[in-house]
C-alpha atoms as a PDB file:
ATOM      1  CA  MET A   1      71.584  69.287  55.036  1.00  0.00           C
ATOM      2  CA  PHE A   2      67.993  69.503  56.191  1.00  0.00           C
ATOM      3  CA  ASP A   3      65.671  69.374  53.162  1.00  0.00           C
ATOM      4  CA  LEU A   4      62.694  71.596  53.958  1.00  0.00           C
ATOM      5  CA  SER A   5      61.075  70.878  50.591  1.00  0.00           C
ATOM      6  CA  PHE A   6      61.123  67.128  51.236  1.00  0.00           C
ATOM      7  CA  ALA A   7      59.631  67.667  54.709  1.00  0.00           C
ATOM      8  CA  ARG A   8      56.784  69.737  53.243  1.00  0.00           C
ATOM      9  CA  GLN A   9      56.062  67.105  50.603  1.00  0.00           C
ATOM     10  CA  ALA A  10      56.084  64.253  53.118  1.00  0.00           C
ATOM     11  CA  LEU A  11      53.892  65.964  55.725  1.00  0.00           C
ATOM     12  CA  PRO A  12      50.507  65.442  53.961  1.00  0.00           C
ATOM     13  CA  GLN A  13      51.234  61.736  53.531  1.00  0.00           C
ATOM     14  CA  ILE A  14      52.072  61.371  57.213  1.00  0.00           C
ATOM     15  CA  ILE A  15      48.983  63.340  58.227  1.00  0.00           C
ATOM     16  CA  ALA A  16      46.898  60.997  56.050  1.00  0.00           C
ATOM     17  CA  ALA A  17      48.042  58.079  58.248  1.00  0.00           C
ATOM     18  CA  THR A  18      46.794  59.761  61.448  1.00  0.00           C
ATOM     19  CA  PRO A  19      43.241  58.283  61.300  1.00  0.00           C
ATOM     20  CA  MET A  20      44.690  54.784  61.712  1.00  0.00           C
ATOM     21  CA  ALA A  21      46.425  55.792  64.943  1.00  0.00           C
ATOM     22  CA  LEU A  22      43.252  57.475  66.194  1.00  0.00           C
ATOM     23  CA  LEU A  23      41.141  54.444  65.265  1.00  0.00           C
ATOM     24  CA  ILE A  24      43.335  52.050  67.233  1.00  0.00           C
ATOM     25  CA  ALA A  25      43.415  54.378  70.245  1.00  0.00           C
ATOM     26  CA  ALA A  26      39.644  54.955  70.139  1.00  0.00           C
ATOM     27  CA  VAL A  27      38.709  51.273  69.843  1.00  0.00           C
ATOM     28  CA  ALA A  28      41.216  50.345  72.549  1.00  0.00           C
ATOM     29  CA  THR A  29      39.811  53.009  74.873  1.00  0.00           C
ATOM     30  CA  LEU A  30      36.177  51.981  74.424  1.00  0.00           C
ATOM     31  CA  ALA A  31      36.838  48.233  74.650  1.00  0.00           C
ATOM     32  CA  GLY A  32      39.307  48.761  77.483  1.00  0.00           C
ATOM     33  CA  LEU A  33      36.768  50.828  79.397  1.00  0.00           C
ATOM     34  CA  LEU A  34      34.194  48.033  79.256  1.00  0.00           C
ATOM     35  CA  LEU A  35      36.768  45.450  80.346  1.00  0.00           C
ATOM     36  CA  ALA A  36      38.026  47.776  83.091  1.00  0.00           C
ATOM     37  CA  ILE A  37      34.537  48.115  84.558  1.00  0.00           C
ATOM     38  CA  LEU A  38      34.286  44.314  84.767  1.00  0.00           C
ATOM     39  CA  VAL A  39      37.727  44.145  86.377  1.00  0.00           C
ATOM     40  CA  VAL A  40      36.745  46.738  88.992  1.00  0.00           C
ATOM     41  CA  ILE A  41      33.524  44.855  89.781  1.00  0.00           C
ATOM     42  CA  VAL A  42      35.482  41.628  90.269  1.00  0.00           C
ATOM     43  CA  ARG A  43      38.106  43.284  92.461  1.00  0.00           C
ATOM     44  CA  GLU A  44      35.542  45.195  94.542  1.00  0.00           C
ATOM     45  CA  ARG A  45      33.656  41.961  95.261  1.00  0.00           C
ATOM     46  CA  PRO A  46      36.480  39.496  96.004  1.00  0.00           C
ATOM     47  CA  LEU A  47      35.923  36.062  94.463  1.00  0.00           C
ATOM     48  CA  PRO A  48      38.140  33.068  95.279  1.00  0.00           C
ATOM     49  CA  LEU A  49      40.683  32.372  92.528  1.00  0.00           C
ATOM     50  CA  VAL A  50      39.106  34.862  90.106  1.00  0.00           C
ATOM     51  CA  THR A  51      40.074  38.063  91.935  1.00  0.00           C
ATOM     52  CA  PRO A  52      43.753  37.057  92.500  1.00  0.00           C
ATOM     53  CA  LEU A  53      44.005  35.932  88.863  1.00  0.00           C
ATOM     54  CA  VAL A  54      42.594  39.223  87.575  1.00  0.00           C
ATOM     55  CA  ALA A  55      44.877  41.186  89.900  1.00  0.00           C
ATOM     56  CA  THR A  56      47.890  39.249  88.618  1.00  0.00           C
ATOM     57  CA  LEU A  57      46.954  39.896  84.986  1.00  0.00           C
ATOM     58  CA  VAL A  58      46.498  43.612  85.667  1.00  0.00           C
ATOM     59  CA  SER A  59      49.860  43.752  87.431  1.00  0.00           C
ATOM     60  CA  PHE A  60      51.545  41.930  84.536  1.00  0.00           C
ATOM     61  CA  ILE A  61      50.101  44.259  81.911  1.00  0.00           C
ATOM     62  CA  ARG A  62      50.906  47.420  83.862  1.00  0.00           C
ATOM     63  CA  GLY A  63      54.440  46.196  84.555  1.00  0.00           C
ATOM     64  CA  THR A  64      55.479  45.256  81.017  1.00  0.00           C
ATOM     65  CA  PRO A  65      56.089  47.346  77.869  1.00  0.00           C
ATOM     66  CA  ILE A  66      53.199  47.485  75.430  1.00  0.00           C
ATOM     67  CA  LEU A  67      55.519  46.263  72.661  1.00  0.00           C
ATOM     68  CA  VAL A  68      55.970  42.990  74.557  1.00  0.00           C
ATOM     69  CA  GLN A  69      52.201  42.707  74.965  1.00  0.00           C
ATOM     70  CA  LEU A  70      51.715  43.399  71.255  1.00  0.00           C
ATOM     71  CA  TYR A  71      54.093  40.590  70.318  1.00  0.00           C
ATOM     72  CA  LEU A  72      52.500  38.198  72.818  1.00  0.00           C
ATOM     73  CA  VAL A  73      49.069  38.788  71.298  1.00  0.00           C
ATOM     74  CA  TYR A  74      50.462  38.694  67.744  1.00  0.00           C
ATOM     75  CA  TYR A  75      52.129  35.295  68.211  1.00  0.00           C
ATOM     76  CA  GLY A  76      49.997  33.902  71.035  1.00  0.00           C
ATOM     77  CA  LEU A  77      46.427  34.596  69.938  1.00  0.00           C
ATOM     78  CA  PRO A  78      46.611  32.533  66.720  1.00  0.00           C
ATOM     79  CA  GLN A  79      48.017  29.588  68.685  1.00  0.00           C
ATOM     80  CA  LEU A  80      45.211  29.941  71.233  1.00  0.00           C
ATOM     81  CA  LEU A  81      42.665  29.845  68.415  1.00  0.00           C
ATOM     82  CA  VAL A  82      44.322  26.693  67.045  1.00  0.00           C
ATOM     83  CA  VAL A  83      43.819  25.041  70.433  1.00  0.00           C
ATOM     84  CA  LEU A  84      40.204  26.221  70.616  1.00  0.00           C
ATOM     85  CA  LYS A  85      39.574  24.960  67.096  1.00  0.00           C
ATOM     86  CA  GLY A  86      40.955  21.580  68.150  1.00  0.00           C
ATOM     87  CA  TRP A  87      38.381  21.551  70.948  1.00  0.00           C
ATOM     88  CA  GLY A  88      35.596  22.087  68.421  1.00  0.00           C
ATOM     89  CA  TRP A  89      35.162  25.854  68.684  1.00  0.00           C
ATOM     90  CA  PRO A  90      34.081  27.561  65.393  1.00  0.00           C
ATOM     91  CA  VAL A  91      37.127  29.821  65.111  1.00  0.00           C
ATOM     92  CA  ASP A  92      39.518  30.568  62.255  1.00  0.00           C
ATOM     93  CA  PRO A  93      43.171  30.948  63.355  1.00  0.00           C
ATOM     94  CA  ASP A  94      44.092  32.137  59.853  1.00  0.00           C
ATOM     95  CA  GLY A  95      41.470  34.881  59.776  1.00  0.00           C
ATOM     96  CA  LEU A  96      43.176  37.245  62.205  1.00  0.00           C
ATOM     97  CA  SER A  97      44.148  40.593  60.745  1.00  0.00           C
ATOM     98  CA  ALA A  98      46.993  42.674  62.129  1.00  0.00           C
ATOM     99  CA  LEU A  99      44.484  45.412  62.942  1.00  0.00           C
ATOM    100  CA  LEU A 100      42.360  43.065  65.042  1.00  0.00           C
ATOM    101  CA  ILE A 101      45.457  41.937  66.916  1.00  0.00           C
ATOM    102  CA  ALA A 102      46.349  45.579  67.585  1.00  0.00           C
ATOM    103  CA  PHE A 103      42.818  46.216  68.873  1.00  0.00           C
ATOM    104  CA  VAL A 104      43.100  43.287  71.297  1.00  0.00           C
ATOM    105  CA  ALA A 105      46.582  44.159  72.562  1.00  0.00           C
ATOM    106  CA  TYR A 106      45.873  47.845  73.079  1.00  0.00           C
ATOM    107  CA  ALA A 107      42.451  47.192  74.596  1.00  0.00           C
ATOM    108  CA  LEU A 108      43.975  44.863  77.183  1.00  0.00           C
ATOM    109  CA  ASN A 109      46.613  47.472  77.971  1.00  0.00           C
ATOM    110  CA  ALA A 110      43.967  50.175  78.325  1.00  0.00           C
ATOM    111  CA  ALA A 111      41.786  47.915  80.483  1.00  0.00           C
ATOM    112  CA  ALA A 112      44.574  47.303  82.991  1.00  0.00           C
ATOM    113  CA  ASN A 113      45.390  50.989  83.356  1.00  0.00           C
ATOM    114  CA  LEU A 114      41.778  52.125  83.325  1.00  0.00           C
ATOM    115  CA  SER A 115      40.774  49.605  85.992  1.00  0.00           C
ATOM    116  CA  GLU A 116      43.237  51.142  88.439  1.00  0.00           C
ATOM    117  CA  SER A 117      42.080  54.651  87.550  1.00  0.00           C
ATOM    118  CA  ILE A 118      38.392  53.756  87.895  1.00  0.00           C
ATOM    119  CA  SER A 119      39.026  52.088  91.234  1.00  0.00           C
ATOM    120  CA  ALA A 120      40.883  55.156  92.529  1.00  0.00           C
ATOM    121  CA  ALA A 121      38.170  57.492  91.217  1.00  0.00           C
ATOM    122  CA  LEU A 122      35.464  55.403  92.862  1.00  0.00           C
ATOM    123  CA  HIS A 123      37.192  55.365  96.228  1.00  0.00           C
ATOM    124  CA  ALA A 124      37.620  59.137  96.041  1.00  0.00           C
ATOM    125  CA  VAL A 125      33.838  59.603  96.078  1.00  0.00           C
ATOM    126  CA  ASP A 126      32.511  60.245  99.576  1.00  0.00           C
ATOM    127  CA  ARG A 127      30.373  57.201 100.398  1.00  0.00           C
ATOM    128  CA  GLY A 128      28.514  59.274 102.970  1.00  0.00           C
ATOM    129  CA  GLN A 129      26.728  61.158 100.181  1.00  0.00           C
ATOM    130  CA  TYR A 130      25.377  57.922  98.737  1.00  0.00           C
ATOM    131  CA  GLU A 131      24.309  56.661 102.161  1.00  0.00           C
ATOM    132  CA  ALA A 132      22.610  59.966 102.992  1.00  0.00           C
ATOM    133  CA  ALA A 133      20.671  59.910  99.724  1.00  0.00           C
ATOM    134  CA  VAL A 134      19.466  56.355 100.342  1.00  0.00           C
ATOM    135  CA  THR A 135      18.546  57.258 103.932  1.00  0.00           C
ATOM    136  CA  VAL A 136      16.210  60.044 102.796  1.00  0.00           C
ATOM    137  CA  GLY A 137      14.438  57.670 100.409  1.00  0.00           C
ATOM    138  CA  MET A 138      16.298  57.896  97.105  1.00  0.00           C
ATOM    139  CA  PRO A 139      16.448  54.481  95.356  1.00  0.00           C
ATOM    140  CA  PRO A 140      20.006  53.048  95.390  1.00  0.00           C
ATOM    141  CA  ALA A 141      20.224  52.866  91.586  1.00  0.00           C
ATOM    142  CA  ARG A 142      19.203  56.501  91.287  1.00  0.00           C
ATOM    143  CA  ALA A 143      21.630  57.535  94.018  1.00  0.00           C
ATOM    144  CA  ILE A 144      24.457  55.847  92.136  1.00  0.00           C
ATOM    145  CA  ARG A 145      23.420  57.446  88.833  1.00  0.00           C
ATOM    146  CA  ARG A 146      22.821  60.956  90.222  1.00  0.00           C
ATOM    147  CA  ILE A 147      25.520  61.202  92.909  1.00  0.00           C
ATOM    148  CA  VAL A 148      28.255  58.588  92.551  1.00  0.00           C
ATOM    149  CA  VAL A 149      28.674  58.363  88.780  1.00  0.00           C
ATOM    150  CA  PRO A 150      29.046  62.130  88.060  1.00  0.00           C
ATOM    151  CA  GLN A 151      31.752  62.457  90.708  1.00  0.00           C
ATOM    152  CA  LEU A 152      33.451  59.249  89.568  1.00  0.00           C
ATOM    153  CA  ILE A 153      33.609  60.561  85.983  1.00  0.00           C
ATOM    154  CA  ALA A 154      34.995  63.911  87.143  1.00  0.00           C
ATOM    155  CA  ASN A 155      37.678  62.124  89.168  1.00  0.00           C
ATOM    156  CA  LEU A 156      38.475  59.749  86.298  1.00  0.00           C
ATOM    157  CA  LEU A 157      38.847  62.243  83.447  1.00  0.00           C
ATOM    158  CA  PRO A 158      42.397  63.479  84.223  1.00  0.00           C
ATOM    159  CA  ASN A 159      43.780  59.931  84.297  1.00  0.00           C
ATOM    160  CA  LEU A 160      41.651  58.949  81.304  1.00  0.00           C
ATOM    161  CA  THR A 161      43.211  61.818  79.359  1.00  0.00           C
ATOM    162  CA  ASN A 162      46.715  60.555  80.109  1.00  0.00           C
ATOM    163  CA  ILE A 163      45.797  56.985  79.194  1.00  0.00           C
ATOM    164  CA  VAL A 164      44.297  58.022  75.844  1.00  0.00           C
ATOM    165  CA  LEU A 165      47.316  60.191  75.034  1.00  0.00           C
ATOM    166  CA  ASP A 166      49.638  57.299  75.868  1.00  0.00           C
ATOM    167  CA  LEU A 167      47.626  55.010  73.595  1.00  0.00           C
ATOM    168  CA  VAL A 168      47.846  57.467  70.709  1.00  0.00           C
ATOM    169  CA  LYS A 169      51.614  57.751  71.117  1.00  0.00           C
ATOM    170  CA  ASP A 170      52.033  53.994  71.592  1.00  0.00           C
ATOM    171  CA  THR A 171      50.344  53.305  68.258  1.00  0.00           C
ATOM    172  CA  ALA A 172      53.762  54.136  66.784  1.00  0.00           C
ATOM    173  CA  LEU A 173      54.659  50.534  67.639  1.00  0.00           C
ATOM    174  CA  VAL A 174      52.022  48.810  65.478  1.00  0.00           C
ATOM    175  CA  TYR A 175      54.291  49.220  62.446  1.00  0.00           C
ATOM    176  CA  ASN A 176      56.149  46.231  63.925  1.00  0.00           C
ATOM    177  CA  ILE A 177      53.203  43.990  62.989  1.00  0.00           C
ATOM    178  CA  GLY A 178      52.622  45.531  59.573  1.00  0.00           C
ATOM    179  CA  ILE A 179      50.147  48.327  60.259  1.00  0.00           C
ATOM    180  CA  VAL A 180      50.955  51.658  58.665  1.00  0.00           C
ATOM    181  CA  GLU A 181      50.086  54.662  60.850  1.00  0.00           C
ATOM    182  CA  VAL A 182      51.957  57.919  61.514  1.00  0.00           C
ATOM    183  CA  MET A 183      55.311  56.416  62.437  1.00  0.00           C
ATOM    184  CA  GLY A 184      54.939  53.614  59.920  1.00  0.00           C
ATOM    185  CA  GLU A 185      54.331  56.084  57.099  1.00  0.00           C
ATOM    186  CA  ALA A 186      57.311  58.143  58.277  1.00  0.00           C
ATOM    187  CA  ASN A 187      59.506  55.035  58.174  1.00  0.00           C
ATOM    188  CA  ILE A 188      58.380  54.182  54.643  1.00  0.00           C
ATOM    189  CA  ILE A 189      58.900  57.678  53.263  1.00  0.00           C
ATOM    190  CA  SER A 190      62.267  58.122  54.957  1.00  0.00           C
ATOM    191  CA  ALA A 191      63.498  54.766  53.627  1.00  0.00           C
ATOM    192  CA  LEU A 192      62.441  55.671  50.079  1.00  0.00           C
ATOM    193  CA  GLY A 193      63.953  59.140  50.094  1.00  0.00           C
ATOM    194  CA  PHE A 194      66.807  58.568  52.548  1.00  0.00           C
ATOM    195  CA  LYS A 195      65.587  61.672  54.418  1.00  0.00           C
ATOM    196  CA  TYR A 196      65.143  60.481  57.993  1.00  0.00           C
ATOM    197  CA  LEU A 197      65.314  63.700  59.998  1.00  0.00           C
ATOM    198  CA  GLU A 198      62.758  65.432  57.791  1.00  0.00           C
ATOM    199  CA  THR A 199      60.107  62.703  58.023  1.00  0.00           C
ATOM    200  CA  TYR A 200      60.611  62.052  61.722  1.00  0.00           C
ATOM    201  CA  LEU A 201      60.222  65.752  62.458  1.00  0.00           C
ATOM    202  CA  ASP A 202      57.004  65.631  60.448  1.00  0.00           C
ATOM    203  CA  ALA A 203      55.827  62.707  62.577  1.00  0.00           C
ATOM    204  CA  LEU A 204      56.801  64.603  65.711  1.00  0.00           C
ATOM    205  CA  LEU A 205      54.732  67.578  64.594  1.00  0.00           C
ATOM    206  CA  VAL A 206      51.718  65.372  63.832  1.00  0.00           C
ATOM    207  CA  TYR A 207      51.880  63.706  67.258  1.00  0.00           C
ATOM    208  CA  ILE A 208      52.246  67.040  69.064  1.00  0.00           C
ATOM    209  CA  VAL A 209      49.257  68.622  67.313  1.00  0.00           C
ATOM    210  CA  THR A 210      47.092  65.503  67.616  1.00  0.00           C
ATOM    211  CA  CYS A 211      47.795  65.047  71.314  1.00  0.00           C
ATOM    212  CA  TRP A 212      47.283  68.743  71.994  1.00  0.00           C
ATOM    213  CA  LEU A 213      43.856  68.662  70.364  1.00  0.00           C
ATOM    214  CA  ILE A 214      42.866  65.527  72.280  1.00  0.00           C
ATOM    215  CA  ALA A 215      44.057  67.050  75.571  1.00  0.00           C
ATOM    216  CA  ARG A 216      42.063  70.217  74.906  1.00  0.00           C
ATOM    217  CA  LEU A 217      38.954  68.156  74.139  1.00  0.00           C
ATOM    218  CA  PHE A 218      39.287  66.282  77.415  1.00  0.00           C
ATOM    219  CA  GLN A 219      39.912  69.518  79.328  1.00  0.00           C
ATOM    220  CA  LEU A 220      36.662  70.888  77.946  1.00  0.00           C
ATOM    221  CA  SER A 221      34.850  67.682  78.896  1.00  0.00           C
ATOM    222  CA  GLU A 222      36.281  67.820  82.397  1.00  0.00           C
ATOM    223  CA  PHE A 223      35.188  71.455  82.789  1.00  0.00           C
ATOM    224  CA  ILE A 224      31.621  70.579  81.730  1.00  0.00           C
ATOM    225  CA  VAL A 225      31.436  67.515  83.986  1.00  0.00           C
ATOM    226  CA  ARG A 226      32.785  69.338  87.040  1.00  0.00           C
ATOM    227  CA  ARG A 227      30.265  72.151  86.580  1.00  0.00           C
ATOM    228  CA  ARG A 228      27.401  69.671  86.516  1.00  0.00           C
ATOM    229  CA  ARG A 229      28.465  67.287  89.270  1.00  0.00           C
ATOM    230  CA  PRO A 230      26.629  67.540  92.597  1.00  0.00           C
ATOM    231  CA  THR A 231      28.317  69.434  95.407  1.00  0.00           C
ATOM    232  CA  ASN A 232      26.325  67.749  98.122  1.00  0.00           C
ATOM    233  CA  ALA A 233      23.784  65.038  98.650  1.00  0.00           C
END
């Protein structure tokens, strides 16, 4: 039978593991955003060899499960550092923490998805507004900052919301490399008390509330950005 008392006792412990999931998602989003901007720049200004390579990497990441990517980074990054150390690089293959590996894997995943979203958001901005602003004497850098960027951000926010929510939910997989977050804590508690339904329902509740709050925060941000963006040049 469902043990409501056990579920109530386990819930605070599972909630206490939420910051780890949020930390991984936040770091991955910020690092992924920086990488995504570089990817978009490379793909918007085609470079021989580099652009096709970047496009292939983005396609690979977007076409494979994040669990596969997590394992590839977990087992592949230390071996890469061993090779670099053999070449004389000052790196420590044994100094990699599971958390750092999670940051790298999730940031790469976020970068691939964000690069496509940024590219789509950029192309959705009417170039004629930028050209008109430059024609009447506005410096190009200022035209980009005042006209292009606000509209790009407004176009990007809906997809950014989905990407962040996916990252938060996908952090449930980092327990596979030894990091304890919401799902990891639920697994530990359920294994100790042999109460699986109770703890997994707790985890479900935590994910629902967390994602709802994040979605509401992004909706508010989108409302503010859309009110401030320019309607014409």
